[in-house]
Amino acid sequence: MALNEQDIARIANLARLELSQDESERMLAQLNNFFGIVEKMQAVDTSGVSPLSHPVAAIQDIALRLRDDLVSETNNRDANMQNAPAAENGYFLVPKVIE
């Protein structure tokens, strides 16, 4: 997949960026280099390779130290809602930003 100048212009517009011609050309080259690396990685045959839970797991067995999933905080909703400029039914009220 290769991008062209129109793609860069569209991406910049969506990101609300104003790029000069030099910046646009540099961005085009960098993104196309990135996509080239991704294509090389996708070309590698990984069938039969199981995913690693940790990078070091390829070298030695690792036991992940995961904590128990227990509730450790009490419900402080009422105290937290005291700081809200506007609240209703236990929820923060915010201005509508999407039509």
Protein backbone atom coordinates (compact mmCIF):
# COMPACT_ATOMS: atom_id res chain seq x y z
CA MET A 1 0.00 0.00 0.00
CA ALA A 2 1.45 3.33 -1.02
CA LEU A 3 0.03 6.73 -0.24
CA ASN A 4 0.04 9.67 -2.63
CA GLU A 5 -0.02 13.44 -2.12
CA GLN A 6 -3.83 13.55 -2.13
CA ASP A 7 -3.91 10.99 0.70
CA ILE A 8 -1.53 13.11 2.77
CA ALA A 9 -3.63 16.22 2.11
CA ARG A 10 -6.78 14.37 3.20
CA ILE A 11 -5.14 12.98 6.35
CA ALA A 12 -3.79 16.44 7.24
CA ASN A 13 -7.25 17.93 6.71
CA LEU A 14 -8.90 15.30 8.93
CA ALA A 15 -6.27 15.91 11.61
CA ARG A 16 -6.72 19.67 11.25
CA LEU A 17 -3.03 20.06 10.34
CA GLU A 18 -1.64 22.66 8.01
CA LEU A 19 1.40 21.17 6.29
CA SER A 20 3.81 23.02 4.04
CA GLN A 21 4.89 21.37 0.79
CA ASP A 22 8.18 20.22 2.40
CA GLU A 23 6.36 18.80 5.43
CA SER A 24 3.83 17.07 3.19
CA GLU A 25 6.57 15.44 1.09
CA ARG A 26 8.47 14.35 4.22
CA MET A 27 5.29 12.93 5.74
CA LEU A 28 4.53 11.05 2.51
CA ALA A 29 8.00 9.46 2.51
CA GLN A 30 7.84 8.55 6.21
CA LEU A 31 4.37 6.99 5.99
CA ASN A 32 5.27 5.03 2.85
CA ASN A 33 8.43 3.76 4.62
CA PHE A 34 6.30 2.70 7.56
CA PHE A 35 3.86 0.83 5.31
CA GLY A 36 6.84 -0.85 3.63
CA ILE A 37 8.00 -2.17 7.00
CA VAL A 38 4.48 -3.42 7.77
CA GLU A 39 4.33 -5.25 4.44
CA LYS A 40 7.68 -6.95 5.17
CA MET A 41 6.40 -8.03 8.59
CA GLN A 42 3.18 -9.41 7.08
CA ALA A 43 5.21 -11.45 4.58
CA VAL A 44 6.81 -13.47 7.41
CA ASP A 45 5.25 -16.91 7.83
CA THR A 46 4.09 -17.13 11.45
CA SER A 47 1.97 -20.28 11.15
CA GLY A 48 2.68 -22.60 14.02
CA VAL A 49 4.11 -19.81 16.19
CA SER A 50 2.15 -19.30 19.37
CA PRO A 51 1.77 -15.76 20.73
CA LEU A 52 3.96 -14.74 23.66
CA SER A 53 2.52 -13.39 26.88
CA HIS A 54 5.83 -11.63 27.53
CA PRO A 55 8.88 -10.93 25.31
CA VAL A 56 11.17 -12.88 27.64
CA ALA A 57 8.90 -15.94 27.36
CA ALA A 58 10.77 -16.89 24.18
CA ILE A 59 13.92 -17.41 26.27
CA GLN A 60 12.63 -18.76 29.59
CA ASP A 61 9.39 -19.74 31.28
CA ILE A 62 7.70 -16.81 32.96
CA ALA A 63 4.96 -16.89 35.55
CA LEU A 64 3.00 -13.68 35.29
CA ARG A 65 2.40 -12.07 38.66
CA LEU A 66 -1.18 -10.94 38.38
CA ARG A 67 -3.03 -9.60 41.36
CA ASP A 68 -6.43 -10.94 42.34
CA ASP A 69 -9.32 -9.05 40.78
CA LEU A 70 -10.87 -7.77 44.00
CA VAL A 71 -12.72 -4.58 44.80
CA SER A 72 -10.36 -2.43 46.86
CA GLU A 73 -12.13 0.94 46.83
CA THR A 74 -15.43 1.79 48.41
CA ASN A 75 -18.25 3.48 46.50
CA ASN A 76 -17.60 7.23 46.84
CA ARG A 77 -20.13 8.37 44.25
CA ASP A 78 -21.86 10.89 46.50
CA ALA A 79 -18.56 12.46 47.59
CA ASN A 80 -17.30 12.56 43.99
CA MET A 81 -20.51 14.13 42.71
CA GLN A 82 -20.13 17.07 45.10
CA ASN A 83 -17.37 18.43 42.83
CA ALA A 84 -19.50 18.22 39.69
CA PRO A 85 -20.76 21.56 38.32
CA ALA A 86 -23.88 19.75 37.10
CA ALA A 87 -25.13 16.26 37.97
CA GLU A 88 -28.29 14.22 37.64
CA ASN A 89 -29.13 10.72 38.90
CA GLY A 90 -25.50 10.10 39.87
CA TYR A 91 -24.06 11.11 36.47
CA PHE A 92 -21.99 14.12 35.43
CA LEU A 93 -23.87 16.41 33.06
CA VAL A 94 -21.72 17.80 30.24
CA PRO A 95 -22.53 19.98 27.25
CA LYS A 96 -23.64 18.12 24.13
CA VAL A 97 -20.71 18.02 21.68
CA ILE A 98 -22.07 15.72 18.95
CA GLU A 99 -25.27 16.44 17.11
